[in-house]
Amino acid sequence: FEVCERGVLVNRDDAAGFARGLKHLID
C-alpha cells in the first residue's frame, strides 16, 4: 500500500494490500 496525505492507496483487485493498509491505520 501507499500512505498518502488523507488515506492509503492500494492497487485495484488487491485484497491483501487493502487489508495491510487498513491494519496499518489500525496499528
PDB file of all heavy atoms in Angstrom:
ATOM      1  N   PHE A   1       0.850  -1.186   0.000  1.00  0.00           N
ATOM      2  CA  PHE A   1       0.000   0.000   0.000  1.00  0.00           C
ATOM      3  C   PHE A   1       0.884   1.234   0.000  1.00  0.00           C
ATOM      4  O   PHE A   1       2.083   1.159   0.273  1.00  0.00           O
ATOM      5  CB  PHE A   1      -0.937  -0.002   1.207  1.00  0.00           C
ATOM      6  CG  PHE A   1      -0.222  -0.076   2.534  1.00  0.00           C
ATOM      7  CD1 PHE A   1       0.139   1.077   3.208  1.00  0.00           C
ATOM      8  CD2 PHE A   1       0.089  -1.298   3.106  1.00  0.00           C
ATOM      9  CE1 PHE A   1       0.799   1.017   4.426  1.00  0.00           C
ATOM     10  CE2 PHE A   1       0.743  -1.378   4.322  1.00  0.00           C
ATOM     11  CZ  PHE A   1       1.103  -0.210   4.989  1.00  0.00           C
ATOM     12  N   GLU A   2       0.272   2.374  -0.301  1.00  0.00           N
ATOM     13  CA  GLU A   2       0.977   3.655  -0.300  1.00  0.00           C
ATOM     14  C   GLU A   2       0.281   4.597   0.679  1.00  0.00           C
ATOM     15  O   GLU A   2      -0.920   4.839   0.556  1.00  0.00           O
ATOM     16  CB  GLU A   2       0.952   4.254  -1.702  1.00  0.00           C
ATOM     17  CG  GLU A   2       1.630   5.598  -1.807  1.00  0.00           C
ATOM     18  CD  GLU A   2       1.553   6.183  -3.204  1.00  0.00           C
ATOM     19  OE1 GLU A   2       1.319   5.439  -4.175  1.00  0.00           O
ATOM     20  OE2 GLU A   2       1.722   7.410  -3.315  1.00  0.00           O
ATOM     21  N   VAL A   3       1.031   5.110   1.633  1.00  0.00           N
ATOM     22  CA  VAL A   3       0.485   6.069   2.588  1.00  0.00           C
ATOM     23  C   VAL A   3       0.471   7.446   1.927  1.00  0.00           C
ATOM     24  O   VAL A   3       1.481   7.904   1.410  1.00  0.00           O
ATOM     25  CB  VAL A   3       1.324   6.108   3.891  1.00  0.00           C
ATOM     26  CG1 VAL A   3       0.825   7.191   4.832  1.00  0.00           C
ATOM     27  CG2 VAL A   3       1.299   4.743   4.566  1.00  0.00           C
ATOM     28  N   CYS A   4      -0.691   8.095   1.936  1.00  0.00           N
ATOM     29  CA  CYS A   4      -0.872   9.410   1.326  1.00  0.00           C
ATOM     30  C   CYS A   4      -1.287  10.417   2.402  1.00  0.00           C
ATOM     31  O   CYS A   4      -1.391  10.077   3.573  1.00  0.00           O
ATOM     32  CB  CYS A   4      -1.924   9.341   0.232  1.00  0.00           C
ATOM     33  SG  CYS A   4      -1.493   8.210  -1.107  1.00  0.00           S
ATOM     34  N   GLU A   5      -1.548  11.625   1.991  1.00  0.00           N
ATOM     35  CA  GLU A   5      -1.890  12.708   2.906  1.00  0.00           C
ATOM     36  C   GLU A   5      -3.172  12.439   3.696  1.00  0.00           C
ATOM     37  O   GLU A   5      -3.254  12.692   4.881  1.00  0.00           O
ATOM     38  CB  GLU A   5      -2.041  14.008   2.103  1.00  0.00           C
ATOM     39  CG  GLU A   5      -2.229  15.239   2.942  1.00  0.00           C
ATOM     40  CD  GLU A   5      -0.972  15.707   3.632  1.00  0.00           C
ATOM     41  OE1 GLU A   5       0.134  15.236   3.296  1.00  0.00           O
ATOM     42  OE2 GLU A   5      -1.097  16.552   4.518  1.00  0.00           O
ATOM     43  N   ARG A   6      -4.200  11.938   2.997  1.00  0.00           N
ATOM     44  CA  ARG A   6      -5.507  11.774   3.631  1.00  0.00           C
ATOM     45  C   ARG A   6      -5.986  10.326   3.662  1.00  0.00           C
ATOM     46  O   ARG A   6      -7.142  10.051   3.927  1.00  0.00           O
ATOM     47  CB  ARG A   6      -6.531  12.644   2.891  1.00  0.00           C
ATOM     48  CG  ARG A   6      -6.230  14.117   3.012  1.00  0.00           C
ATOM     49  CD  ARG A   6      -7.185  14.980   2.211  1.00  0.00           C
ATOM     50  NE  ARG A   6      -6.956  14.954   0.782  1.00  0.00           N
ATOM     51  CZ  ARG A   6      -6.117  15.777   0.134  1.00  0.00           C
ATOM     52  NH1 ARG A   6      -5.448  16.677   0.807  1.00  0.00           N
ATOM     53  NH2 ARG A   6      -5.978  15.695  -1.170  1.00  0.00           N
ATOM     54  N   GLY A   7      -5.101   9.381   3.365  1.00  0.00           N
ATOM     55  CA  GLY A   7      -5.506   7.989   3.377  1.00  0.00           C
ATOM     56  C   GLY A   7      -4.440   7.079   2.798  1.00  0.00           C
ATOM     57  O   GLY A   7      -3.291   7.461   2.639  1.00  0.00           O
ATOM     58  N   VAL A   8      -4.865   5.885   2.458  1.00  0.00           N
ATOM     59  CA  VAL A   8      -3.975   4.838   1.971  1.00  0.00           C
ATOM     60  C   VAL A   8      -4.496   4.346   0.625  1.00  0.00           C
ATOM     61  O   VAL A   8      -5.696   4.120   0.466  1.00  0.00           O
ATOM     62  CB  VAL A   8      -3.923   3.665   2.984  1.00  0.00           C
ATOM     63  CG1 VAL A   8      -3.158   2.495   2.440  1.00  0.00           C
ATOM     64  CG2 VAL A   8      -3.333   4.143   4.302  1.00  0.00           C
ATOM     65  N   LEU A   9      -3.592   4.184  -0.333  1.00  0.00           N
ATOM     66  CA  LEU A   9      -3.939   3.663  -1.654  1.00  0.00           C
ATOM     67  C   LEU A   9      -3.408   2.252  -1.835  1.00  0.00           C
ATOM     68  O   LEU A   9      -2.308   1.939  -1.384  1.00  0.00           O
ATOM     69  CB  LEU A   9      -3.314   4.530  -2.751  1.00  0.00           C
ATOM     70  CG  LEU A   9      -4.036   5.798  -3.134  1.00  0.00           C
ATOM     71  CD1 LEU A   9      -3.215   6.571  -4.154  1.00  0.00           C
ATOM     72  CD2 LEU A   9      -5.413   5.503  -3.674  1.00  0.00           C
ATOM     73  N   VAL A  10      -4.205   1.431  -2.514  1.00  0.00           N
ATOM     74  CA  VAL A  10      -3.778   0.091  -2.886  1.00  0.00           C
ATOM     75  C   VAL A  10      -4.136  -0.128  -4.352  1.00  0.00           C
ATOM     76  O   VAL A  10      -4.953   0.595  -4.916  1.00  0.00           O
ATOM     77  CB  VAL A  10      -4.444  -0.993  -2.010  1.00  0.00           C
ATOM     78  CG1 VAL A  10      -4.100  -0.804  -0.556  1.00  0.00           C
ATOM     79  CG2 VAL A  10      -5.950  -1.011  -2.199  1.00  0.00           C
ATOM     80  N   ASN A  11      -3.522  -1.114  -4.966  1.00  0.00           N
ATOM     81  CA  ASN A  11      -3.864  -1.458  -6.344  1.00  0.00           C
ATOM     82  C   ASN A  11      -5.265  -2.047  -6.414  1.00  0.00           C
ATOM     83  O   ASN A  11      -5.745  -2.659  -5.456  1.00  0.00           O
ATOM     84  CB  ASN A  11      -2.869  -2.473  -6.917  1.00  0.00           C
ATOM     85  CG  ASN A  11      -1.548  -1.845  -7.283  1.00  0.00           C
ATOM     86  OD1 ASN A  11      -1.494  -0.702  -7.716  1.00  0.00           O
ATOM     87  ND2 ASN A  11      -0.479  -2.594  -7.092  1.00  0.00           N
ATOM     88  N   ARG A  12      -5.870  -1.882  -7.579  1.00  0.00           N
ATOM     89  CA  ARG A  12      -7.181  -2.474  -7.837  1.00  0.00           C
ATOM     90  C   ARG A  12      -7.071  -3.995  -7.700  1.00  0.00           C
ATOM     91  O   ARG A  12      -6.044  -4.591  -8.051  1.00  0.00           O
ATOM     92  CB  ARG A  12      -7.602  -2.098  -9.258  1.00  0.00           C
ATOM     93  CG  ARG A  12      -8.906  -2.650  -9.694  1.00  0.00           C
ATOM     94  CD  ARG A  12      -9.287  -2.101 -11.035  1.00  0.00           C
ATOM     95  NE  ARG A  12      -8.154  -2.056 -11.937  1.00  0.00           N
ATOM     96  CZ  ARG A  12      -8.120  -2.656 -13.100  1.00  0.00           C
ATOM     97  NH1 ARG A  12      -9.141  -3.336 -13.515  1.00  0.00           N
ATOM     98  NH2 ARG A  12      -7.053  -2.562 -13.873  1.00  0.00           N
ATOM     99  N   ASP A  13      -8.088  -4.601  -7.173  1.00  0.00           N
ATOM    100  CA  ASP A  13      -8.160  -6.068  -7.014  1.00  0.00           C
ATOM    101  C   ASP A  13      -7.068  -6.626  -6.106  1.00  0.00           C
ATOM    102  O   ASP A  13      -6.617  -7.758  -6.299  1.00  0.00           O
ATOM    103  CB  ASP A  13      -8.094  -6.773  -8.376  1.00  0.00           C
ATOM    104  CG  ASP A  13      -9.279  -6.435  -9.255  1.00  0.00           C
ATOM    105  OD1 ASP A  13     -10.386  -6.251  -8.710  1.00  0.00           O
ATOM    106  OD2 ASP A  13      -9.096  -6.356 -10.486  1.00  0.00           O
ATOM    107  N   ASP A  14      -6.625  -5.850  -5.131  1.00  0.00           N
ATOM    108  CA  ASP A  14      -5.561  -6.301  -4.226  1.00  0.00           C
ATOM    109  C   ASP A  14      -6.094  -6.359  -2.798  1.00  0.00           C
ATOM    110  O   ASP A  14      -5.911  -5.439  -2.003  1.00  0.00           O
ATOM    111  CB  ASP A  14      -4.356  -5.361  -4.320  1.00  0.00           C
ATOM    112  CG  ASP A  14      -3.160  -5.847  -3.515  1.00  0.00           C
ATOM    113  OD1 ASP A  14      -3.260  -6.917  -2.873  1.00  0.00           O
ATOM    114  OD2 ASP A  14      -2.138  -5.143  -3.510  1.00  0.00           O
ATOM    115  N   ALA A  15      -6.777  -7.456  -2.486  1.00  0.00           N
ATOM    116  CA  ALA A  15      -7.365  -7.616  -1.155  1.00  0.00           C
ATOM    117  C   ALA A  15      -6.304  -7.640  -0.067  1.00  0.00           C
ATOM    118  O   ALA A  15      -6.495  -7.071   1.013  1.00  0.00           O
ATOM    119  CB  ALA A  15      -8.221  -8.879  -1.105  1.00  0.00           C
ATOM    120  N   ALA A  16      -5.157  -8.268  -0.341  1.00  0.00           N
ATOM    121  CA  ALA A  16      -4.094  -8.330   0.662  1.00  0.00           C
ATOM    122  C   ALA A  16      -3.533  -6.934   0.941  1.00  0.00           C
ATOM    123  O   ALA A  16      -3.282  -6.579   2.092  1.00  0.00           O
ATOM    124  CB  ALA A  16      -2.975  -9.266   0.201  1.00  0.00           C
ATOM    125  N   GLY A  17      -3.332  -6.140  -0.108  1.00  0.00           N
ATOM    126  CA  GLY A  17      -2.851  -4.768   0.079  1.00  0.00           C
ATOM    127  C   GLY A  17      -3.855  -3.929   0.842  1.00  0.00           C
ATOM    128  O   GLY A  17      -3.489  -3.145   1.716  1.00  0.00           O
ATOM    129  N   PHE A  18      -5.142  -4.111   0.530  1.00  0.00           N
ATOM    130  CA  PHE A  18      -6.191  -3.380   1.234  1.00  0.00           C
ATOM    131  C   PHE A  18      -6.171  -3.735   2.720  1.00  0.00           C
ATOM    132  O   PHE A  18      -6.213  -2.854   3.580  1.00  0.00           O
ATOM    133  CB  PHE A  18      -7.555  -3.702   0.618  1.00  0.00           C
ATOM    134  CG  PHE A  18      -8.652  -2.799   1.081  1.00  0.00           C
ATOM    135  CD1 PHE A  18      -8.968  -1.664   0.364  1.00  0.00           C
ATOM    136  CD2 PHE A  18      -9.360  -3.082   2.233  1.00  0.00           C
ATOM    137  CE1 PHE A  18      -9.981  -0.825   0.793  1.00  0.00           C
ATOM    138  CE2 PHE A  18     -10.369  -2.245   2.675  1.00  0.00           C
ATOM    139  CZ  PHE A  18     -10.687  -1.109   1.950  1.00  0.00           C
ATOM    140  N   ALA A  19      -6.087  -5.022   3.019  1.00  0.00           N
ATOM    141  CA  ALA A  19      -6.068  -5.470   4.413  1.00  0.00           C
ATOM    142  C   ALA A  19      -4.838  -4.918   5.143  1.00  0.00           C
ATOM    143  O   ALA A  19      -4.945  -4.463   6.285  1.00  0.00           O
ATOM    144  CB  ALA A  19      -6.086  -6.997   4.479  1.00  0.00           C
ATOM    145  N   ARG A  20      -3.677  -4.938   4.487  1.00  0.00           N
ATOM    146  CA  ARG A  20      -2.460  -4.417   5.128  1.00  0.00           C
ATOM    147  C   ARG A  20      -2.553  -2.905   5.341  1.00  0.00           C
ATOM    148  O   ARG A  20      -2.099  -2.388   6.360  1.00  0.00           O
ATOM    149  CB  ARG A  20      -1.233  -4.769   4.299  1.00  0.00           C
ATOM    150  CG  ARG A  20      -0.846  -6.214   4.429  1.00  0.00           C
ATOM    151  CD  ARG A  20       0.485  -6.522   3.761  1.00  0.00           C
ATOM    152  NE  ARG A  20       0.821  -7.907   3.982  1.00  0.00           N
ATOM    153  CZ  ARG A  20       0.766  -8.839   3.033  1.00  0.00           C
ATOM    154  NH1 ARG A  20       0.416  -8.523   1.799  1.00  0.00           N
ATOM    155  NH2 ARG A  20       1.080 -10.095   3.316  1.00  0.00           N
ATOM    156  N   GLY A  21      -3.130  -2.193   4.370  1.00  0.00           N
ATOM    157  CA  GLY A  21      -3.308  -0.752   4.528  1.00  0.00           C
ATOM    158  C   GLY A  21      -4.242  -0.428   5.679  1.00  0.00           C
ATOM    159  O   GLY A  21      -3.981   0.466   6.482  1.00  0.00           O
ATOM    160  N   LEU A  22      -5.326  -1.163   5.778  1.00  0.00           N
ATOM    161  CA  LEU A  22      -6.276  -0.980   6.877  1.00  0.00           C
ATOM    162  C   LEU A  22      -5.616  -1.296   8.214  1.00  0.00           C
ATOM    163  O   LEU A  22      -5.744  -0.535   9.184  1.00  0.00           O
ATOM    164  CB  LEU A  22      -7.501  -1.861   6.650  1.00  0.00           C
ATOM    165  CG  LEU A  22      -8.655  -1.706   7.609  1.00  0.00           C
ATOM    166  CD1 LEU A  22      -9.166  -0.272   7.625  1.00  0.00           C
ATOM    167  CD2 LEU A  22      -9.780  -2.652   7.221  1.00  0.00           C
ATOM    168  N   LYS A  23      -4.863  -2.380   8.267  1.00  0.00           N
ATOM    169  CA  LYS A  23      -4.166  -2.746   9.510  1.00  0.00           C
ATOM    170  C   LYS A  23      -3.149  -1.675   9.887  1.00  0.00           C
ATOM    171  O   LYS A  23      -2.980  -1.365  11.069  1.00  0.00           O
ATOM    172  CB  LYS A  23      -3.485  -4.104   9.368  1.00  0.00           C
ATOM    173  CG  LYS A  23      -2.814  -4.556  10.663  1.00  0.00           C
ATOM    174  CD  LYS A  23      -2.322  -5.962  10.563  1.00  0.00           C
ATOM    175  CE  LYS A  23      -1.692  -6.507  11.819  1.00  0.00           C
ATOM    176  NZ  LYS A  23      -1.113  -5.619  12.769  1.00  0.00           N
ATOM    177  N   HIS A  24      -2.484  -1.089   8.893  1.00  0.00           N
ATOM    178  CA  HIS A  24      -1.519  -0.020   9.164  1.00  0.00           C
ATOM    179  C   HIS A  24      -2.201   1.148   9.884  1.00  0.00           C
ATOM    180  O   HIS A  24      -1.658   1.698  10.839  1.00  0.00           O
ATOM    181  CB  HIS A  24      -0.885   0.446   7.855  1.00  0.00           C
ATOM    182  CG  HIS A  24       0.161   1.491   8.036  1.00  0.00           C
ATOM    183  ND1 HIS A  24       1.410   1.210   8.550  1.00  0.00           N
ATOM    184  CD2 HIS A  24       0.149   2.829   7.787  1.00  0.00           C
ATOM    185  CE1 HIS A  24       2.123   2.323   8.608  1.00  0.00           C
ATOM    186  NE2 HIS A  24       1.375   3.319   8.141  1.00  0.00           N
ATOM    187  N   LEU A  25      -3.394   1.502   9.447  1.00  0.00           N
ATOM    188  CA  LEU A  25      -4.127   2.588  10.115  1.00  0.00           C
ATOM    189  C   LEU A  25      -4.566   2.182  11.522  1.00  0.00           C
ATOM    190  O   LEU A  25      -4.503   2.988  12.446  1.00  0.00           O
ATOM    191  CB  LEU A  25      -5.331   3.010   9.279  1.00  0.00           C
ATOM    192  CG  LEU A  25      -5.011   3.710   7.972  1.00  0.00           C
ATOM    193  CD1 LEU A  25      -6.298   4.053   7.227  1.00  0.00           C
ATOM    194  CD2 LEU A  25      -4.183   4.961   8.205  1.00  0.00           C
ATOM    195  N   ILE A  26      -5.005   0.944  11.669  1.00  0.00           N
ATOM    196  CA  ILE A  26      -5.418   0.466  12.995  1.00  0.00           C
ATOM    197  C   ILE A  26      -4.228   0.461  13.954  1.00  0.00           C
ATOM    198  O   ILE A  26      -4.352   0.839  15.118  1.00  0.00           O
ATOM    199  CB  ILE A  26      -6.053  -0.939  12.887  1.00  0.00           C
ATOM    200  CG1 ILE A  26      -7.389  -0.830  12.149  1.00  0.00           C
ATOM    201  CG2 ILE A  26      -6.213  -1.575  14.261  1.00  0.00           C
ATOM    202  CD1 ILE A  26      -7.976  -2.166  11.730  1.00  0.00           C
ATOM    203  N   ASP A  27      -3.064   0.063  13.456  1.00  0.00           N
ATOM    204  CA  ASP A  27      -1.856  -0.008  14.278  1.00  0.00           C
ATOM    205  C   ASP A  27      -1.236   1.362  14.543  1.00  0.00           C
ATOM    206  O   ASP A  27      -0.355   1.478  15.408  1.00  0.00           O
ATOM    207  CB  ASP A  27      -0.801  -0.898  13.622  1.00  0.00           C
ATOM    208  CG  ASP A  27      -1.193  -2.364  13.604  1.00  0.00           C
ATOM    209  OD1 ASP A  27      -2.108  -2.755  14.364  1.00  0.00           O
ATOM    210  OD2 ASP A  27      -0.582  -3.123  12.817  1.00  0.00           O
TER     211      ASP A  27
END
